[in-house]
Amino acid sequence: MLAERVEQLTGQIDELNRRLTRFVERHAPRLLVPVGMGPDSAVTLLITTGDIPEPERPPRRQRGRA
């Protein structure tokens, strides 16, 4: 019974870690670049600073005039 609960909680922790990683990858992917900065630290930093930027988008290509 205890082992089942540990397995259930481990699954929940794994799912939350995946969700945090996706969140940071979407909103502030550069925070995951420094060594030692994982999703937990990145989300804590975002919450502490109160700065959750818009997701980064690739730059728009400018069309040349023909």
PDB file of N, CA and C in Angstrom:
ATOM      1  N   MET A   1       0.825  -1.179   0.000  1.00  0.00           N
ATOM      2  CA  MET A   1       0.000   0.000   0.000  1.00  0.00           C
ATOM      3  C   MET A   1       0.882   1.260   0.000  1.00  0.00           C
ATOM      4  N   LEU A   2       1.908   1.319   0.828  1.00  0.00           N
ATOM      5  CA  LEU A   2       2.804   2.461   0.858  1.00  0.00           C
ATOM      6  C   LEU A   2       3.565   2.584  -0.458  1.00  0.00           C
ATOM      7  N   ALA A   3       3.997   1.454  -0.989  1.00  0.00           N
ATOM      8  CA  ALA A   3       4.737   1.462  -2.261  1.00  0.00           C
ATOM      9  C   ALA A   3       3.858   2.000  -3.387  1.00  0.00           C
ATOM     10  N   GLU A   4       2.583   1.656  -3.364  1.00  0.00           N
ATOM     11  CA  GLU A   4       1.658   2.167  -4.384  1.00  0.00           C
ATOM     12  C   GLU A   4       1.518   3.686  -4.279  1.00  0.00           C
ATOM     13  N   ARG A   5       1.445   4.184  -3.070  1.00  0.00           N
ATOM     14  CA  ARG A   5       1.319   5.636  -2.867  1.00  0.00           C
ATOM     15  C   ARG A   5       2.589   6.355  -3.329  1.00  0.00           C
ATOM     16  N   VAL A   6       3.744   5.778  -3.022  1.00  0.00           N
ATOM     17  CA  VAL A   6       5.015   6.357  -3.464  1.00  0.00           C
ATOM     18  C   VAL A   6       5.054   6.385  -4.986  1.00  0.00           C
ATOM     19  N   GLU A   7       4.626   5.326  -5.622  1.00  0.00           N
ATOM     20  CA  GLU A   7       4.600   5.264  -7.086  1.00  0.00           C
ATOM     21  C   GLU A   7       3.650   6.319  -7.654  1.00  0.00           C
ATOM     22  N   GLN A   8       2.497   6.488  -7.041  1.00  0.00           N
ATOM     23  CA  GLN A   8       1.529   7.489  -7.486  1.00  0.00           C
ATOM     24  C   GLN A   8       2.100   8.899  -7.348  1.00  0.00           C
ATOM     25  N   LEU A   9       2.710   9.195  -6.210  1.00  0.00           N
ATOM     26  CA  LEU A   9       3.284  10.520  -5.998  1.00  0.00           C
ATOM     27  C   LEU A   9       4.463  10.780  -6.939  1.00  0.00           C
ATOM     28  N   THR A  10       5.260   9.772  -7.188  1.00  0.00           N
ATOM     29  CA  THR A  10       6.371   9.901  -8.133  1.00  0.00           C
ATOM     30  C   THR A  10       5.853  10.236  -9.522  1.00  0.00           C
ATOM     31  N   GLY A  11       4.778   9.598  -9.931  1.00  0.00           N
ATOM     32  CA  GLY A  11       4.161   9.899 -11.219  1.00  0.00           C
ATOM     33  C   GLY A  11       3.673  11.336 -11.288  1.00  0.00           C
ATOM     34  N   GLN A  12       3.087  11.824 -10.205  1.00  0.00           N
ATOM     35  CA  GLN A  12       2.615  13.210 -10.165  1.00  0.00           C
ATOM     36  C   GLN A  12       3.787  14.191 -10.237  1.00  0.00           C
ATOM     37  N   ILE A  13       4.860  13.896  -9.527  1.00  0.00           N
ATOM     38  CA  ILE A  13       6.050  14.746  -9.563  1.00  0.00           C
ATOM     39  C   ILE A  13       6.620  14.788 -10.972  1.00  0.00           C
ATOM     40  N   ASP A  14       6.716  13.634 -11.622  1.00  0.00           N
ATOM     41  CA  ASP A  14       7.237  13.572 -12.991  1.00  0.00           C
ATOM     42  C   ASP A  14       6.374  14.400 -13.945  1.00  0.00           C
ATOM     43  N   GLU A  15       5.068  14.305 -13.808  1.00  0.00           N
ATOM     44  CA  GLU A  15       4.160  15.068 -14.670  1.00  0.00           C
ATOM     45  C   GLU A  15       4.313  16.571 -14.434  1.00  0.00           C
ATOM     46  N   LEU A  16       4.411  16.973 -13.180  1.00  0.00           N
ATOM     47  CA  LEU A  16       4.604  18.397 -12.879  1.00  0.00           C
ATOM     48  C   LEU A  16       5.937  18.906 -13.429  1.00  0.00           C
ATOM     49  N   ASN A  17       6.986  18.104 -13.337  1.00  0.00           N
ATOM     50  CA  ASN A  17       8.277  18.494 -13.901  1.00  0.00           C
ATOM     51  C   ASN A  17       8.187  18.665 -15.413  1.00  0.00           C
ATOM     52  N   ARG A  18       7.463  17.788 -16.086  1.00  0.00           N
ATOM     53  CA  ARG A  18       7.278  17.921 -17.543  1.00  0.00           C
ATOM     54  C   ARG A  18       6.518  19.209 -17.871  1.00  0.00           C
ATOM     55  N   ARG A  19       5.486  19.494 -17.093  1.00  0.00           N
ATOM     56  CA  ARG A  19       4.696  20.707 -17.336  1.00  0.00           C
ATOM     57  C   ARG A  19       5.512  21.971 -17.086  1.00  0.00           C
ATOM     58  N   LEU A  20       6.309  21.978 -16.013  1.00  0.00           N
ATOM     59  CA  LEU A  20       7.170  23.128 -15.741  1.00  0.00           C
ATOM     60  C   LEU A  20       8.182  23.342 -16.868  1.00  0.00           C
ATOM     61  N   THR A  21       8.757  22.250 -17.343  1.00  0.00           N
ATOM     62  CA  THR A  21       9.735  22.349 -18.427  1.00  0.00           C
ATOM     63  C   THR A  21       9.086  22.917 -19.672  1.00  0.00           C
ATOM     64  N   ARG A  22       7.904  22.438 -20.042  1.00  0.00           N
ATOM     65  CA  ARG A  22       7.210  22.970 -21.220  1.00  0.00           C
ATOM     66  C   ARG A  22       6.892  24.450 -21.044  1.00  0.00           C
ATOM     67  N   PHE A  23       6.483  24.844 -19.836  1.00  0.00           N
ATOM     68  CA  PHE A  23       6.163  26.243 -19.570  1.00  0.00           C
ATOM     69  C   PHE A  23       7.385  27.132 -19.786  1.00  0.00           C
ATOM     70  N   VAL A  24       8.505  26.740 -19.196  1.00  0.00           N
ATOM     71  CA  VAL A  24       9.717  27.543 -19.334  1.00  0.00           C
ATOM     72  C   VAL A  24      10.201  27.532 -20.783  1.00  0.00           C
ATOM     73  N   GLU A  25      10.137  26.399 -21.455  1.00  0.00           N
ATOM     74  CA  GLU A  25      10.551  26.337 -22.862  1.00  0.00           C
ATOM     75  C   GLU A  25       9.709  27.280 -23.716  1.00  0.00           C
ATOM     76  N   ARG A  26       8.470  27.447 -23.369  1.00  0.00           N
ATOM     77  CA  ARG A  26       7.584  28.307 -24.148  1.00  0.00           C
ATOM     78  C   ARG A  26       7.767  29.789 -23.816  1.00  0.00           C
ATOM     79  N   HIS A  27       7.897  30.109 -22.534  1.00  0.00           N
ATOM     80  CA  HIS A  27       7.899  31.505 -22.106  1.00  0.00           C
ATOM     81  C   HIS A  27       9.283  32.120 -21.924  1.00  0.00           C
ATOM     82  N   ALA A  28      10.257  31.340 -21.548  1.00  0.00           N
ATOM     83  CA  ALA A  28      11.597  31.901 -21.300  1.00  0.00           C
ATOM     84  C   ALA A  28      12.666  30.830 -21.525  1.00  0.00           C
ATOM     85  N   PRO A  29      12.791  30.338 -22.752  1.00  0.00           N
ATOM     86  CA  PRO A  29      13.709  29.218 -23.003  1.00  0.00           C
ATOM     87  C   PRO A  29      15.166  29.542 -22.672  1.00  0.00           C
ATOM     88  N   ARG A  30      15.540  30.817 -22.733  1.00  0.00           N
ATOM     89  CA  ARG A  30      16.935  31.174 -22.428  1.00  0.00           C
ATOM     90  C   ARG A  30      17.300  30.908 -20.971  1.00  0.00           C
ATOM     91  N   LEU A  31      16.324  30.800 -20.103  1.00  0.00           N
ATOM     92  CA  LEU A  31      16.626  30.504 -18.700  1.00  0.00           C
ATOM     93  C   LEU A  31      17.138  29.077 -18.515  1.00  0.00           C
ATOM     94  N   LEU A  32      16.869  28.211 -19.463  1.00  0.00           N
ATOM     95  CA  LEU A  32      17.316  26.824 -19.332  1.00  0.00           C
ATOM     96  C   LEU A  32      18.738  26.625 -19.848  1.00  0.00           C
ATOM     97  N   VAL A  33      19.332  27.663 -20.436  1.00  0.00           N
ATOM     98  CA  VAL A  33      20.671  27.540 -21.019  1.00  0.00           C
ATOM     99  C   VAL A  33      21.778  27.466 -19.960  1.00  0.00           C
ATOM    100  N   PRO A  34      21.771  28.331 -18.933  1.00  0.00           N
ATOM    101  CA  PRO A  34      22.882  28.284 -17.969  1.00  0.00           C
ATOM    102  C   PRO A  34      22.967  26.931 -17.262  1.00  0.00           C
ATOM    103  N   VAL A  35      24.190  26.499 -17.044  1.00  0.00           N
ATOM    104  CA  VAL A  35      24.402  25.240 -16.324  1.00  0.00           C
ATOM    105  C   VAL A  35      23.847  25.382 -14.913  1.00  0.00           C
ATOM    106  N   GLY A  36      23.078  24.412 -14.486  1.00  0.00           N
ATOM    107  CA  GLY A  36      22.511  24.428 -13.149  1.00  0.00           C
ATOM    108  C   GLY A  36      21.151  25.093 -13.060  1.00  0.00           C
ATOM    109  N   MET A  37      20.689  25.687 -14.147  1.00  0.00           N
ATOM    110  CA  MET A  37      19.370  26.332 -14.147  1.00  0.00           C
ATOM    111  C   MET A  37      18.380  25.354 -14.767  1.00  0.00           C
ATOM    112  N   GLY A  38      17.668  24.637 -13.913  1.00  0.00           N
ATOM    113  CA  GLY A  38      16.661  23.712 -14.399  1.00  0.00           C
ATOM    114  C   GLY A  38      15.296  24.373 -14.383  1.00  0.00           C
ATOM    115  N   PRO A  39      14.277  23.633 -14.766  1.00  0.00           N
ATOM    116  CA  PRO A  39      12.932  24.210 -14.813  1.00  0.00           C
ATOM    117  C   PRO A  39      12.444  24.706 -13.450  1.00  0.00           C
ATOM    118  N   ASP A  40      12.803  24.023 -12.371  1.00  0.00           N
ATOM    119  CA  ASP A  40      12.371  24.470 -11.039  1.00  0.00           C
ATOM    120  C   ASP A  40      12.930  25.853 -10.727  1.00  0.00           C
ATOM    121  N   SER A  41      14.224  26.020 -10.950  1.00  0.00           N
ATOM    122  CA  SER A  41      14.870  27.306 -10.682  1.00  0.00           C
ATOM    123  C   SER A  41      14.342  28.391 -11.611  1.00  0.00           C
ATOM    124  N   ALA A  42      14.131  28.045 -12.874  1.00  0.00           N
ATOM    125  CA  ALA A  42      13.648  29.027 -13.844  1.00  0.00           C
ATOM    126  C   ALA A  42      12.253  29.519 -13.478  1.00  0.00           C
ATOM    127  N   VAL A  43      11.364  28.608 -13.113  1.00  0.00           N
ATOM    128  CA  VAL A  43      10.008  29.003 -12.734  1.00  0.00           C
ATOM    129  C   VAL A  43      10.038  29.829 -11.450  1.00  0.00           C
ATOM    130  N   THR A  44      10.871  29.453 -10.502  1.00  0.00           N
ATOM    131  CA  THR A  44      11.001  30.230  -9.266  1.00  0.00           C
ATOM    132  C   THR A  44      11.461  31.644  -9.578  1.00  0.00           C
ATOM    133  N   LEU A  45      12.426  31.777 -10.481  1.00  0.00           N
ATOM    134  CA  LEU A  45      12.903  33.098 -10.876  1.00  0.00           C
ATOM    135  C   LEU A  45      11.791  33.911 -11.538  1.00  0.00           C
ATOM    136  N   LEU A  46      11.026  33.289 -12.426  1.00  0.00           N
ATOM    137  CA  LEU A  46       9.927  33.989 -13.082  1.00  0.00           C
ATOM    138  C   LEU A  46       8.871  34.448 -12.080  1.00  0.00           C
ATOM    139  N   ILE A  47       8.554  33.590 -11.127  1.00  0.00           N
ATOM    140  CA  ILE A  47       7.553  33.943 -10.120  1.00  0.00           C
ATOM    141  C   ILE A  47       8.077  35.063  -9.230  1.00  0.00           C
ATOM    142  N   THR A  48       9.332  34.979  -8.827  1.00  0.00           N
ATOM    143  CA  THR A  48       9.915  35.975  -7.935  1.00  0.00           C
ATOM    144  C   THR A  48       9.972  37.349  -8.585  1.00  0.00           C
ATOM    145  N   THR A  49      10.375  37.381  -9.848  1.00  0.00           N
ATOM    146  CA  THR A  49      10.493  38.673 -10.530  1.00  0.00           C
ATOM    147  C   THR A  49       9.150  39.164 -11.041  1.00  0.00           C
ATOM    148  N   GLY A  50       8.191  38.264 -11.132  1.00  0.00           N
ATOM    149  CA  GLY A  50       6.878  38.642 -11.635  1.00  0.00           C
ATOM    150  C   GLY A  50       6.871  38.914 -13.120  1.00  0.00           C
ATOM    151  N   ASP A  51       7.883  38.449 -13.806  1.00  0.00           N
ATOM    152  CA  ASP A  51       8.029  38.735 -15.228  1.00  0.00           C
ATOM    153  C   ASP A  51       7.860  37.445 -16.022  1.00  0.00           C
ATOM    154  N   ILE A  52       6.700  37.268 -16.574  1.00  0.00           N
ATOM    155  CA  ILE A  52       6.464  36.123 -17.442  1.00  0.00           C
ATOM    156  C   ILE A  52       6.265  36.675 -18.842  1.00  0.00           C
ATOM    157  N   PRO A  53       7.339  36.635 -19.647  1.00  0.00           N
ATOM    158  CA  PRO A  53       7.261  37.227 -20.981  1.00  0.00           C
ATOM    159  C   PRO A  53       6.391  36.418 -21.925  1.00  0.00           C
ATOM    160  N   GLU A  54       6.036  37.053 -23.020  1.00  0.00           N
ATOM    161  CA  GLU A  54       5.307  36.348 -24.060  1.00  0.00           C
ATOM    162  C   GLU A  54       6.221  35.279 -24.649  1.00  0.00           C
ATOM    163  N   PRO A  55       5.660  34.216 -25.180  1.00  0.00           N
ATOM    164  CA  PRO A  55       6.507  33.198 -25.804  1.00  0.00           C
ATOM    165  C   PRO A  55       7.340  33.818 -26.925  1.00  0.00           C
ATOM    166  N   GLU A  56       8.586  33.356 -27.032  1.00  0.00           N
ATOM    167  CA  GLU A  56       9.453  33.877 -28.076  1.00  0.00           C
ATOM    168  C   GLU A  56       9.013  33.337 -29.422  1.00  0.00           C
ATOM    169  N   ARG A  57       9.030  34.208 -30.402  1.00  0.00           N
ATOM    170  CA  ARG A  57       8.659  33.821 -31.759  1.00  0.00           C
ATOM    171  C   ARG A  57       9.845  34.081 -32.665  1.00  0.00           C
ATOM    172  N   PRO A  58       9.994  33.267 -33.696  1.00  0.00           N
ATOM    173  CA  PRO A  58      11.086  33.537 -34.627  1.00  0.00           C
ATOM    174  C   PRO A  58      10.875  34.868 -35.319  1.00  0.00           C
ATOM    175  N   PRO A  59      11.958  35.570 -35.687  1.00  0.00           N
ATOM    176  CA  PRO A  59      11.798  36.853 -36.350  1.00  0.00           C
ATOM    177  C   PRO A  59      11.090  36.691 -37.691  1.00  0.00           C
ATOM    178  N   ARG A  60      10.330  37.709 -38.036  1.00  0.00           N
ATOM    179  CA  ARG A  60       9.612  37.667 -39.310  1.00  0.00           C
ATOM    180  C   ARG A  60      10.586  37.936 -40.434  1.00  0.00           C
ATOM    181  N   ARG A  61      10.417  37.189 -41.500  1.00  0.00           N
ATOM    182  CA  ARG A  61      11.257  37.419 -42.666  1.00  0.00           C
ATOM    183  C   ARG A  61      10.687  38.609 -43.444  1.00  0.00           C
ATOM    184  N   GLN A  62      11.576  39.472 -43.843  1.00  0.00           N
ATOM    185  CA  GLN A  62      11.124  40.616 -44.623  1.00  0.00           C
ATOM    186  C   GLN A  62      11.216  40.274 -46.095  1.00  0.00           C
ATOM    187  N   ARG A  63      10.200  40.654 -46.783  1.00  0.00           N
ATOM    188  CA  ARG A  63      10.164  40.384 -48.214  1.00  0.00           C
ATOM    189  C   ARG A  63      10.911  41.482 -48.965  1.00  0.00           C
ATOM    190  N   GLY A  64      11.720  41.071 -49.908  1.00  0.00           N
ATOM    191  CA  GLY A  64      12.415  42.043 -50.729  1.00  0.00           C
ATOM    192  C   GLY A  64      11.470  42.649 -51.744  1.00  0.00           C
ATOM    193  N   ARG A  65      11.742  43.866 -52.104  1.00  0.00           N
ATOM    194  CA  ARG A  65      10.899  44.530 -53.118  1.00  0.00           C
ATOM    195  C   ARG A  65      11.376  44.125 -54.485  1.00  0.00           C
ATOM    196  N   ALA A  66      10.457  43.734 -55.293  1.00  0.00           N
ATOM    197  CA  ALA A  66      10.821  43.297 -56.639  1.00  0.00           C
ATOM    198  C   ALA A  66      10.412  44.292 -57.673  1.00  0.00           C
TER     199      ALA A  66
END
